[in-house]
Amino acid sequence: MFKPLLAATADVALLKFPYLATPKIDGIRCLIMPDVGVVSRTLKPIPNVHIRDALASPIFAHLDGEILTYTDGVRDDFNTVQSKVMSRDGTPEFKLIAFDNFSEPKDAYASRIRKMEAIACDLIEPLMPVCINNIADLDHYESLCIDKLGWEGAMLRNPNGIYKFGRSTAREGILLKVKRFTDDEATITGTVEQMENTNEAKTNVFGRMERSSAKAGMKGKDTLGAIQCVWNDIAFELGTGFTQSQRDQLWSERESLIGQKVTFKYQGVGTHGAPRFPVFLGIRRDL
């Protein structure tokens, strides 16, 4: 039974070079399946009719990749991509960043990508890999992906790896993700309004201005301050990573957020098990 190939998290101790590497794309997974159509990672139809119809051409069959959307030629952030792809109507500017072709799943990855490369056009951008021979190469490439190109990490593929129906394991090394941050999902339990401190500013003993935190002077700003979450039975607040427009939108729909999943990234866990430096990535909208 067909399932999309999914990545395992790389374990440095198990890496066996060389690998073929590409950036980790922040889009919506999309597979073009003959006799089924243009579907998401869960094999449900891509909701946006414009995107679905545009990618339905037989010449695009068997491509696997990520949909990115654009505004006036500028790449959208993940939440905007998700919003446009999830909307049935609209004609968003988009591309499928194709990173695999599953027409012959037993063929080696290095062979499969040659078929993918031949289908480049305005709608399809093949994501061609570079060879990584050692840890130094990997460190350099990961920094390039994150710091220069603005992606969230790097993906490693075994040049001889098959298109496995399901998730690769770290030991198999068919498909691995390498990220400085770990990402995960938490369940939303509440929201906190962003507050403005209107208490009178006074000069302290060091000559610096400061305000008291008296509740009477704290005024709500009618926008989101933080999302309250539970993750691995640990409660925490997620308050960074939002744009102002996201704060406004999420606050306006705060009642409907309860029970939904929020995706966030973090750097390890603290002494009490809470994620360290959690940063908002998006609300999961299942396709």
C-alpha atoms as a PDB file:
ATOM      1  CA  MET A   1       0.000   0.000   0.000  1.00  0.00           C
ATOM      2  CA  PHE A   2       1.393   3.376  -1.008  1.00  0.00           C
ATOM      3  CA  LYS A   3       2.521   5.793   1.683  1.00  0.00           C
ATOM      4  CA  PRO A   4       4.705   8.864   1.220  1.00  0.00           C
ATOM      5  CA  LEU A   5       8.344   8.511   2.198  1.00  0.00           C
ATOM      6  CA  LEU A   6       8.907  10.269   5.535  1.00  0.00           C
ATOM      7  CA  ALA A   7      12.146  11.311   7.214  1.00  0.00           C
ATOM      8  CA  ALA A   8      13.757  10.140  10.427  1.00  0.00           C
ATOM      9  CA  THR A   9      15.765  12.508  12.603  1.00  0.00           C
ATOM     10  CA  ALA A  10      19.469  12.102  11.876  1.00  0.00           C
ATOM     11  CA  ASP A  11      21.617  10.436  14.539  1.00  0.00           C
ATOM     12  CA  VAL A  12      25.194  11.634  14.085  1.00  0.00           C
ATOM     13  CA  ALA A  13      26.537   8.329  15.417  1.00  0.00           C
ATOM     14  CA  LEU A  14      24.758   6.430  12.635  1.00  0.00           C
ATOM     15  CA  LEU A  15      25.623   8.652   9.664  1.00  0.00           C
ATOM     16  CA  LYS A  16      27.299   6.856   6.760  1.00  0.00           C
ATOM     17  CA  PHE A  17      28.621   9.283   4.170  1.00  0.00           C
ATOM     18  CA  PRO A  18      28.254  10.237   1.393  1.00  0.00           C
ATOM     19  CA  TYR A  19      24.720  11.645   1.325  1.00  0.00           C
ATOM     20  CA  LEU A  20      22.819  13.770  -1.149  1.00  0.00           C
ATOM     21  CA  ALA A  21      21.497  16.866   0.625  1.00  0.00           C
ATOM     22  CA  THR A  22      18.744  19.404  -0.024  1.00  0.00           C
ATOM     23  CA  PRO A  23      17.195  22.183   2.071  1.00  0.00           C
ATOM     24  CA  LYS A  24      14.262  21.302   4.332  1.00  0.00           C
ATOM     25  CA  ILE A  25      11.393  23.151   2.649  1.00  0.00           C
ATOM     26  CA  ASP A  26       8.689  24.874   4.750  1.00  0.00           C
ATOM     27  CA  GLY A  27       5.687  24.126   2.541  1.00  0.00           C
ATOM     28  CA  ILE A  28       2.720  21.798   2.142  1.00  0.00           C
ATOM     29  CA  ARG A  29       3.597  18.235   1.130  1.00  0.00           C
ATOM     30  CA  CYS A  30       2.137  17.333  -2.244  1.00  0.00           C
ATOM     31  CA  LEU A  31       2.162  14.112  -4.260  1.00  0.00           C
ATOM     32  CA  ILE A  32       0.821  13.730  -7.791  1.00  0.00           C
ATOM     33  CA  MET A  33      -0.665  10.253  -8.055  1.00  0.00           C
ATOM     34  CA  PRO A  34      -1.979   8.780 -11.327  1.00  0.00           C
ATOM     35  CA  ASP A  35      -5.682   7.886 -11.133  1.00  0.00           C
ATOM     36  CA  VAL A  36      -5.911   9.558  -7.714  1.00  0.00           C
ATOM     37  CA  GLY A  37      -4.905  13.167  -8.250  1.00  0.00           C
ATOM     38  CA  VAL A  38      -2.990  15.876  -6.462  1.00  0.00           C
ATOM     39  CA  VAL A  39      -2.920  14.927  -2.784  1.00  0.00           C
ATOM     40  CA  SER A  40      -1.354  15.872   0.527  1.00  0.00           C
ATOM     41  CA  ARG A  41       0.827  13.826   2.859  1.00  0.00           C
ATOM     42  CA  THR A  42      -2.342  12.167   4.224  1.00  0.00           C
ATOM     43  CA  LEU A  43      -3.400  11.321   0.637  1.00  0.00           C
ATOM     44  CA  LYS A  44      -6.343  13.728   0.783  1.00  0.00           C
ATOM     45  CA  PRO A  45      -6.955  16.078  -2.183  1.00  0.00           C
ATOM     46  CA  ILE A  46      -5.162  19.418  -2.049  1.00  0.00           C
ATOM     47  CA  PRO A  47      -8.060  21.787  -1.213  1.00  0.00           C
ATOM     48  CA  ASN A  48      -7.197  24.705  -3.517  1.00  0.00           C
ATOM     49  CA  VAL A  49      -8.844  24.019  -6.870  1.00  0.00           C
ATOM     50  CA  HIS A  50      -6.472  26.270  -8.829  1.00  0.00           C
ATOM     51  CA  ILE A  51      -3.387  24.429  -7.547  1.00  0.00           C
ATOM     52  CA  ARG A  52      -4.989  21.021  -7.911  1.00  0.00           C
ATOM     53  CA  ASP A  53      -6.051  21.616 -11.510  1.00  0.00           C
ATOM     54  CA  ALA A  54      -2.716  23.163 -12.500  1.00  0.00           C
ATOM     55  CA  LEU A  55      -0.751  20.140 -11.248  1.00  0.00           C
ATOM     56  CA  ALA A  56      -3.111  17.501 -12.665  1.00  0.00           C
ATOM     57  CA  SER A  57      -1.237  17.217 -15.990  1.00  0.00           C
ATOM     58  CA  PRO A  58      -0.049  13.643 -16.722  1.00  0.00           C
ATOM     59  CA  ILE A  59       3.486  14.918 -17.295  1.00  0.00           C
ATOM     60  CA  PHE A  60       3.703  15.742 -13.567  1.00  0.00           C
ATOM     61  CA  ALA A  61       2.628  12.256 -12.452  1.00  0.00           C
ATOM     62  CA  HIS A  62       4.636  10.627  -9.638  1.00  0.00           C
ATOM     63  CA  LEU A  63       6.248  13.857  -8.444  1.00  0.00           C
ATOM     64  CA  ASP A  64       6.674  14.308  -4.701  1.00  0.00           C
ATOM     65  CA  GLY A  65       7.464  17.693  -3.226  1.00  0.00           C
ATOM     66  CA  GLU A  66       6.327  20.735  -1.272  1.00  0.00           C
ATOM     67  CA  ILE A  67       3.985  23.479  -2.435  1.00  0.00           C
ATOM     68  CA  LEU A  68       5.231  27.000  -1.799  1.00  0.00           C
ATOM     69  CA  THR A  69       3.151  30.108  -2.427  1.00  0.00           C
ATOM     70  CA  TYR A  70       4.315  33.614  -3.201  1.00  0.00           C
ATOM     71  CA  THR A  71       3.074  37.184  -2.913  1.00  0.00           C
ATOM     72  CA  ASP A  72       4.351  39.440  -5.694  1.00  0.00           C
ATOM     73  CA  GLY A  73       7.183  36.994  -6.284  1.00  0.00           C
ATOM     74  CA  VAL A  74       8.256  36.851  -2.626  1.00  0.00           C
ATOM     75  CA  ARG A  75       8.077  33.503  -0.843  1.00  0.00           C
ATOM     76  CA  ASP A  76       5.325  33.330   1.784  1.00  0.00           C
ATOM     77  CA  ASP A  77       5.858  32.114   5.342  1.00  0.00           C
ATOM     78  CA  PHE A  78       4.488  28.712   6.283  1.00  0.00           C
ATOM     79  CA  ASN A  79       1.245  29.987   7.793  1.00  0.00           C
ATOM     80  CA  THR A  80       0.412  31.995   4.672  1.00  0.00           C
ATOM     81  CA  VAL A  81       1.255  29.002   2.467  1.00  0.00           C
ATOM     82  CA  GLN A  82      -1.048  26.841   4.558  1.00  0.00           C
ATOM     83  CA  SER A  83      -3.857  29.403   4.413  1.00  0.00           C
ATOM     84  CA  LYS A  84      -3.682  29.704   0.623  1.00  0.00           C
ATOM     85  CA  VAL A  85      -3.429  25.965  -0.011  1.00  0.00           C
ATOM     86  CA  MET A  86      -6.255  25.201   2.440  1.00  0.00           C
ATOM     87  CA  SER A  87      -8.598  27.707   0.761  1.00  0.00           C
ATOM     88  CA  ARG A  88     -10.707  26.088  -1.950  1.00  0.00           C
ATOM     89  CA  ASP A  89     -11.052  29.354  -3.845  1.00  0.00           C
ATOM     90  CA  GLY A  90      -8.385  31.771  -4.995  1.00  0.00           C
ATOM     91  CA  THR A  91      -5.622  31.595  -7.567  1.00  0.00           C
ATOM     92  CA  PRO A  92      -2.416  31.824  -5.536  1.00  0.00           C
ATOM     93  CA  GLU A  93       0.977  32.189  -7.148  1.00  0.00           C
ATOM     94  CA  PHE A  94       2.717  28.901  -6.383  1.00  0.00           C
ATOM     95  CA  LYS A  95       5.356  26.336  -7.298  1.00  0.00           C
ATOM     96  CA  LEU A  96       5.818  22.681  -6.510  1.00  0.00           C
ATOM     97  CA  ILE A  97       9.351  22.244  -5.227  1.00  0.00           C
ATOM     98  CA  ALA A  98       9.832  18.649  -6.406  1.00  0.00           C
ATOM     99  CA  PHE A  99      12.344  16.529  -4.505  1.00  0.00           C
ATOM    100  CA  ASP A 100      11.491  12.999  -5.651  1.00  0.00           C
ATOM    101  CA  ASN A 101       9.786  10.849  -8.278  1.00  0.00           C
ATOM    102  CA  PHE A 102       8.134   7.639  -7.092  1.00  0.00           C
ATOM    103  CA  SER A 103       7.291   6.115 -10.500  1.00  0.00           C
ATOM    104  CA  GLU A 104       9.911   3.396  -9.871  1.00  0.00           C
ATOM    105  CA  PRO A 105      10.156   3.202  -6.070  1.00  0.00           C
ATOM    106  CA  LYS A 106      12.776   0.437  -6.094  1.00  0.00           C
ATOM    107  CA  ASP A 107      15.183   2.567  -8.145  1.00  0.00           C
ATOM    108  CA  ALA A 108      17.984   4.377  -6.339  1.00  0.00           C
ATOM    109  CA  TYR A 109      17.334   8.010  -5.372  1.00  0.00           C
ATOM    110  CA  ALA A 110      20.228   9.159  -7.573  1.00  0.00           C
ATOM    111  CA  SER A 111      18.412   7.595 -10.532  1.00  0.00           C
ATOM    112  CA  ARG A 112      14.913   8.822  -9.607  1.00  0.00           C
ATOM    113  CA  ILE A 113      15.918  12.469  -9.472  1.00  0.00           C
ATOM    114  CA  ARG A 114      17.056  12.439 -13.097  1.00  0.00           C
ATOM    115  CA  LYS A 115      13.417  11.911 -14.113  1.00  0.00           C
ATOM    116  CA  MET A 116      12.378  14.749 -11.832  1.00  0.00           C
ATOM    117  CA  GLU A 117      14.964  17.132 -13.286  1.00  0.00           C
ATOM    118  CA  ALA A 118      13.532  16.689 -16.789  1.00  0.00           C
ATOM    119  CA  ILE A 119      10.136  18.136 -15.788  1.00  0.00           C
ATOM    120  CA  ALA A 120      11.297  21.642 -14.808  1.00  0.00           C
ATOM    121  CA  CYS A 121       8.827  24.371 -15.841  1.00  0.00           C
ATOM    122  CA  ASP A 122       7.091  27.458 -14.446  1.00  0.00           C
ATOM    123  CA  LEU A 123       5.070  25.350 -11.984  1.00  0.00           C
ATOM    124  CA  ILE A 124       7.717  22.763 -11.097  1.00  0.00           C
ATOM    125  CA  GLU A 125      11.114  23.544  -9.570  1.00  0.00           C
ATOM    126  CA  PRO A 126      13.249  20.413  -9.152  1.00  0.00           C
ATOM    127  CA  LEU A 127      15.224  20.480  -5.918  1.00  0.00           C
ATOM    128  CA  MET A 128      18.560  19.063  -6.984  1.00  0.00           C
ATOM    129  CA  PRO A 129      20.888  17.820  -4.241  1.00  0.00           C
ATOM    130  CA  VAL A 130      24.531  18.422  -3.432  1.00  0.00           C
ATOM    131  CA  CYS A 131      26.955  15.742  -2.261  1.00  0.00           C
ATOM    132  CA  ILE A 132      27.919  15.732   1.431  1.00  0.00           C
ATOM    133  CA  ASN A 133      31.038  13.698   2.211  1.00  0.00           C
ATOM    134  CA  ASN A 134      31.675  14.328   5.905  1.00  0.00           C
ATOM    135  CA  ILE A 135      30.505  16.129   9.052  1.00  0.00           C
ATOM    136  CA  ALA A 136      32.322  19.335   8.088  1.00  0.00           C
ATOM    137  CA  ASP A 137      30.454  19.404   4.771  1.00  0.00           C
ATOM    138  CA  LEU A 138      27.181  18.819   6.615  1.00  0.00           C
ATOM    139  CA  ASP A 139      27.787  21.608   9.152  1.00  0.00           C
ATOM    140  CA  HIS A 140      28.595  24.033   6.346  1.00  0.00           C
ATOM    141  CA  TYR A 141      25.565  23.009   4.294  1.00  0.00           C
ATOM    142  CA  GLU A 142      23.168  23.182   7.240  1.00  0.00           C
ATOM    143  CA  SER A 143      24.406  26.704   8.041  1.00  0.00           C
ATOM    144  CA  LEU A 144      23.904  27.685   4.404  1.00  0.00           C
ATOM    145  CA  CYS A 145      20.324  26.363   4.418  1.00  0.00           C
ATOM    146  CA  ILE A 146      19.367  28.121   7.657  1.00  0.00           C
ATOM    147  CA  ASP A 147      21.427  31.308   7.768  1.00  0.00           C
ATOM    148  CA  LYS A 148      21.657  32.223   4.071  1.00  0.00           C
ATOM    149  CA  LEU A 149      18.684  30.596   2.371  1.00  0.00           C
ATOM    150  CA  GLY A 150      16.174  30.951   5.211  1.00  0.00           C
ATOM    151  CA  TRP A 151      15.114  27.300   5.387  1.00  0.00           C
ATOM    152  CA  GLU A 152      14.623  25.374   8.632  1.00  0.00           C
ATOM    153  CA  GLY A 153      17.333  22.767   8.125  1.00  0.00           C
ATOM    154  CA  ALA A 154      18.701  20.170   5.730  1.00  0.00           C
ATOM    155  CA  MET A 155      17.577  16.781   4.425  1.00  0.00           C
ATOM    156  CA  LEU A 156      19.957  13.892   3.750  1.00  0.00           C
ATOM    157  CA  ARG A 157      19.274  11.044   1.344  1.00  0.00           C
ATOM    158  CA  ASN A 158      21.153   7.839   0.723  1.00  0.00           C
ATOM    159  CA  PRO A 159      22.130   8.011  -2.989  1.00  0.00           C
ATOM    160  CA  ASN A 160      21.174   4.330  -3.316  1.00  0.00           C
ATOM    161  CA  GLY A 161      18.057   4.551  -1.170  1.00  0.00           C
ATOM    162  CA  ILE A 162      14.695   3.309  -2.425  1.00  0.00           C
ATOM    163  CA  TYR A 163      11.413   5.220  -2.163  1.00  0.00           C
ATOM    164  CA  LYS A 164      10.185   3.486   0.985  1.00  0.00           C
ATOM    165  CA  PHE A 165       6.428   3.451   1.561  1.00  0.00           C
ATOM    166  CA  GLY A 166       6.454   4.975   5.034  1.00  0.00           C
ATOM    167  CA  ARG A 167       9.028   6.424   7.393  1.00  0.00           C
ATOM    168  CA  SER A 168      12.736   5.825   7.060  1.00  0.00           C
ATOM    169  CA  THR A 169      14.606   4.860  10.205  1.00  0.00           C
ATOM    170  CA  ALA A 170      17.789   6.574  11.362  1.00  0.00           C
ATOM    171  CA  ARG A 171      19.679   3.326  10.878  1.00  0.00           C
ATOM    172  CA  GLU A 172      18.364   2.836   7.315  1.00  0.00           C
ATOM    173  CA  GLY A 173      19.365   6.409   6.471  1.00  0.00           C
ATOM    174  CA  ILE A 174      17.096   6.514   3.405  1.00  0.00           C
ATOM    175  CA  LEU A 175      15.805   9.986   4.314  1.00  0.00           C
ATOM    176  CA  LEU A 176      17.036  11.995   7.301  1.00  0.00           C
ATOM    177  CA  LYS A 177      16.274  15.469   8.619  1.00  0.00           C
ATOM    178  CA  VAL A 178      18.976  17.604  10.198  1.00  0.00           C
ATOM    179  CA  LYS A 179      17.787  20.588  12.223  1.00  0.00           C
ATOM    180  CA  ARG A 180      19.334  22.724  14.948  1.00  0.00           C
ATOM    181  CA  PHE A 181      15.895  23.040  16.482  1.00  0.00           C
ATOM    182  CA  THR A 182      13.526  20.195  17.252  1.00  0.00           C
ATOM    183  CA  ASP A 183       9.901  20.736  16.340  1.00  0.00           C
ATOM    184  CA  ASP A 184       6.823  19.112  17.783  1.00  0.00           C
ATOM    185  CA  GLU A 185       3.142  19.684  18.447  1.00  0.00           C
ATOM    186  CA  ALA A 186       1.338  20.697  21.641  1.00  0.00           C
ATOM    187  CA  THR A 187      -2.361  20.858  22.491  1.00  0.00           C
ATOM    188  CA  ILE A 188      -3.779  24.353  22.970  1.00  0.00           C
ATOM    189  CA  THR A 189      -5.522  24.818  26.322  1.00  0.00           C
ATOM    190  CA  GLY A 190      -5.960  28.590  26.393  1.00  0.00           C
ATOM    191  CA  THR A 191      -4.762  32.015  25.301  1.00  0.00           C
ATOM    192  CA  VAL A 192      -3.319  35.026  27.097  1.00  0.00           C
ATOM    193  CA  GLU A 193      -3.978  38.613  26.060  1.00  0.00           C
ATOM    194  CA  GLN A 194      -0.978  40.847  25.400  1.00  0.00           C
ATOM    195  CA  MET A 195      -0.809  43.588  28.027  1.00  0.00           C
ATOM    196  CA  GLU A 196       0.536  47.131  28.015  1.00  0.00           C
ATOM    197  CA  ASN A 197       2.074  48.586  31.154  1.00  0.00           C
ATOM    198  CA  THR A 198       0.551  52.044  31.672  1.00  0.00           C
ATOM    199  CA  ASN A 199       1.848  52.500  35.211  1.00  0.00           C
ATOM    200  CA  GLU A 200       3.722  55.747  35.752  1.00  0.00           C
ATOM    201  CA  ALA A 201       7.385  55.613  34.803  1.00  0.00           C
ATOM    202  CA  LYS A 202       9.752  56.588  37.615  1.00  0.00           C
ATOM    203  CA  THR A 203      13.513  56.945  37.962  1.00  0.00           C
ATOM    204  CA  ASN A 204      15.090  54.216  40.095  1.00  0.00           C
ATOM    205  CA  VAL A 205      18.171  54.495  42.316  1.00  0.00           C
ATOM    206  CA  PHE A 206      20.405  53.752  39.325  1.00  0.00           C
ATOM    207  CA  GLY A 207      18.972  56.629  37.317  1.00  0.00           C
ATOM    208  CA  ARG A 208      17.006  54.374  34.974  1.00  0.00           C
ATOM    209  CA  MET A 209      13.328  54.623  34.129  1.00  0.00           C
ATOM    210  CA  GLU A 210      11.141  51.783  35.336  1.00  0.00           C
ATOM    211  CA  ARG A 211       7.449  51.034  35.784  1.00  0.00           C
ATOM    212  CA  SER A 212       5.769  49.032  38.494  1.00  0.00           C
ATOM    213  CA  SER A 213       3.842  45.913  37.543  1.00  0.00           C
ATOM    214  CA  ALA A 214       0.726  46.862  39.487  1.00  0.00           C
ATOM    215  CA  LYS A 215      -2.300  45.145  37.959  1.00  0.00           C
ATOM    216  CA  ALA A 216      -4.314  48.365  37.920  1.00  0.00           C
ATOM    217  CA  GLY A 217      -1.954  49.805  35.339  1.00  0.00           C
ATOM    218  CA  MET A 218      -1.856  46.772  33.066  1.00  0.00           C
ATOM    219  CA  LYS A 219      -4.206  47.253  30.111  1.00  0.00           C
ATOM    220  CA  GLY A 220      -5.169  44.635  27.558  1.00  0.00           C
ATOM    221  CA  LYS A 221      -4.158  45.338  23.938  1.00  0.00           C
ATOM    222  CA  ASP A 222      -6.888  43.177  22.348  1.00  0.00           C
ATOM    223  CA  THR A 223      -4.321  40.928  20.699  1.00  0.00           C
ATOM    224  CA  LEU A 224      -2.591  37.638  21.486  1.00  0.00           C
ATOM    225  CA  GLY A 225       0.191  37.597  24.036  1.00  0.00           C
ATOM    226  CA  ALA A 226       0.749  33.859  24.304  1.00  0.00           C
ATOM    227  CA  ILE A 227      -0.810  30.478  23.659  1.00  0.00           C
ATOM    228  CA  GLN A 228      -1.183  28.174  26.650  1.00  0.00           C
ATOM    229  CA  CYS A 229      -0.250  24.589  25.760  1.00  0.00           C
ATOM    230  CA  VAL A 230       0.247  21.097  27.116  1.00  0.00           C
ATOM    231  CA  TRP A 231       3.089  18.965  25.740  1.00  0.00           C
ATOM    232  CA  ASN A 232       4.117  15.605  27.187  1.00  0.00           C
ATOM    233  CA  ASP A 233       1.876  16.409  30.203  1.00  0.00           C
ATOM    234  CA  ILE A 234       3.853  19.630  30.777  1.00  0.00           C
ATOM    235  CA  ALA A 235       2.037  22.987  30.645  1.00  0.00           C
ATOM    236  CA  PHE A 236       3.869  25.955  29.135  1.00  0.00           C
ATOM    237  CA  GLU A 237       3.195  29.221  27.312  1.00  0.00           C
ATOM    238  CA  LEU A 238       4.207  29.902  23.735  1.00  0.00           C
ATOM    239  CA  GLY A 239       4.698  33.638  23.245  1.00  0.00           C
ATOM    240  CA  THR A 240       7.324  34.202  20.538  1.00  0.00           C
ATOM    241  CA  GLY A 241       7.486  33.648  16.795  1.00  0.00           C
ATOM    242  CA  PHE A 242       4.233  35.421  15.913  1.00  0.00           C
ATOM    243  CA  THR A 243       3.866  38.300  13.481  1.00  0.00           C
ATOM    244  CA  GLN A 244       1.511  41.066  14.568  1.00  0.00           C
ATOM    245  CA  SER A 245      -1.071  39.988  12.003  1.00  0.00           C
ATOM    246  CA  GLN A 246      -0.907  36.423  13.356  1.00  0.00           C
ATOM    247  CA  ARG A 247      -1.390  37.714  16.895  1.00  0.00           C
ATOM    248  CA  ASP A 248      -4.456  39.689  15.812  1.00  0.00           C
ATOM    249  CA  GLN A 249      -5.964  36.815  13.826  1.00  0.00           C
ATOM    250  CA  LEU A 250      -5.382  34.177  16.500  1.00  0.00           C
ATOM    251  CA  TRP A 251      -6.825  36.430  19.191  1.00  0.00           C
ATOM    252  CA  SER A 252      -9.963  36.977  17.104  1.00  0.00           C
ATOM    253  CA  GLU A 253     -10.468  33.199  16.819  1.00  0.00           C
ATOM    254  CA  ARG A 254      -9.169  32.312  20.285  1.00  0.00           C
ATOM    255  CA  GLU A 255     -12.240  30.356  21.376  1.00  0.00           C
ATOM    256  CA  SER A 256     -11.955  27.976  18.419  1.00  0.00           C
ATOM    257  CA  LEU A 257      -8.258  27.307  19.123  1.00  0.00           C
ATOM    258  CA  ILE A 258      -8.899  25.282  22.277  1.00  0.00           C
ATOM    259  CA  GLY A 259      -8.046  21.637  21.644  1.00  0.00           C
ATOM    260  CA  GLN A 260      -6.235  22.315  18.376  1.00  0.00           C
ATOM    261  CA  LYS A 261      -2.600  21.410  17.755  1.00  0.00           C
ATOM    262  CA  VAL A 262       0.094  24.084  17.587  1.00  0.00           C
ATOM    263  CA  THR A 263       3.461  23.358  15.981  1.00  0.00           C
ATOM    264  CA  PHE A 264       6.512  24.867  17.674  1.00  0.00           C
ATOM    265  CA  LYS A 265      10.281  24.523  17.677  1.00  0.00           C
ATOM    266  CA  TYR A 266      12.540  24.390  20.702  1.00  0.00           C
ATOM    267  CA  GLN A 267      16.100  23.735  21.891  1.00  0.00           C
ATOM    268  CA  GLY A 268      16.016  20.817  24.286  1.00  0.00           C
ATOM    269  CA  VAL A 269      14.101  20.687  27.568  1.00  0.00           C
ATOM    270  CA  GLY A 270      14.641  22.344  30.926  1.00  0.00           C
ATOM    271  CA  THR A 271      15.032  20.762  34.353  1.00  0.00           C
ATOM    272  CA  HIS A 272      11.255  20.498  34.789  1.00  0.00           C
ATOM    273  CA  GLY A 273      10.662  18.995  31.349  1.00  0.00           C
ATOM    274  CA  ALA A 274       9.351  22.104  29.619  1.00  0.00           C
ATOM    275  CA  PRO A 275      10.696  22.945  26.146  1.00  0.00           C
ATOM    276  CA  ARG A 276      13.503  25.535  26.156  1.00  0.00           C
ATOM    277  CA  PHE A 277      13.110  28.644  23.974  1.00  0.00           C
ATOM    278  CA  PRO A 278       9.852  27.526  22.310  1.00  0.00           C
ATOM    279  CA  VAL A 279       8.963  29.427  19.127  1.00  0.00           C
ATOM    280  CA  PHE A 280       5.595  29.368  17.334  1.00  0.00           C
ATOM    281  CA  LEU A 281       5.564  27.825  13.858  1.00  0.00           C
ATOM    282  CA  GLY A 282       1.887  27.403  13.060  1.00  0.00           C
ATOM    283  CA  ILE A 283      -1.525  25.992  13.876  1.00  0.00           C
ATOM    284  CA  ARG A 284      -1.956  22.581  12.313  1.00  0.00           C
ATOM    285  CA  ARG A 285      -4.774  22.590   9.780  1.00  0.00           C
ATOM    286  CA  ASP A 286      -5.201  18.986   8.720  1.00  0.00           C
ATOM    287  CA  LEU A 287      -5.351  18.347   4.968  1.00  0.00           C
END
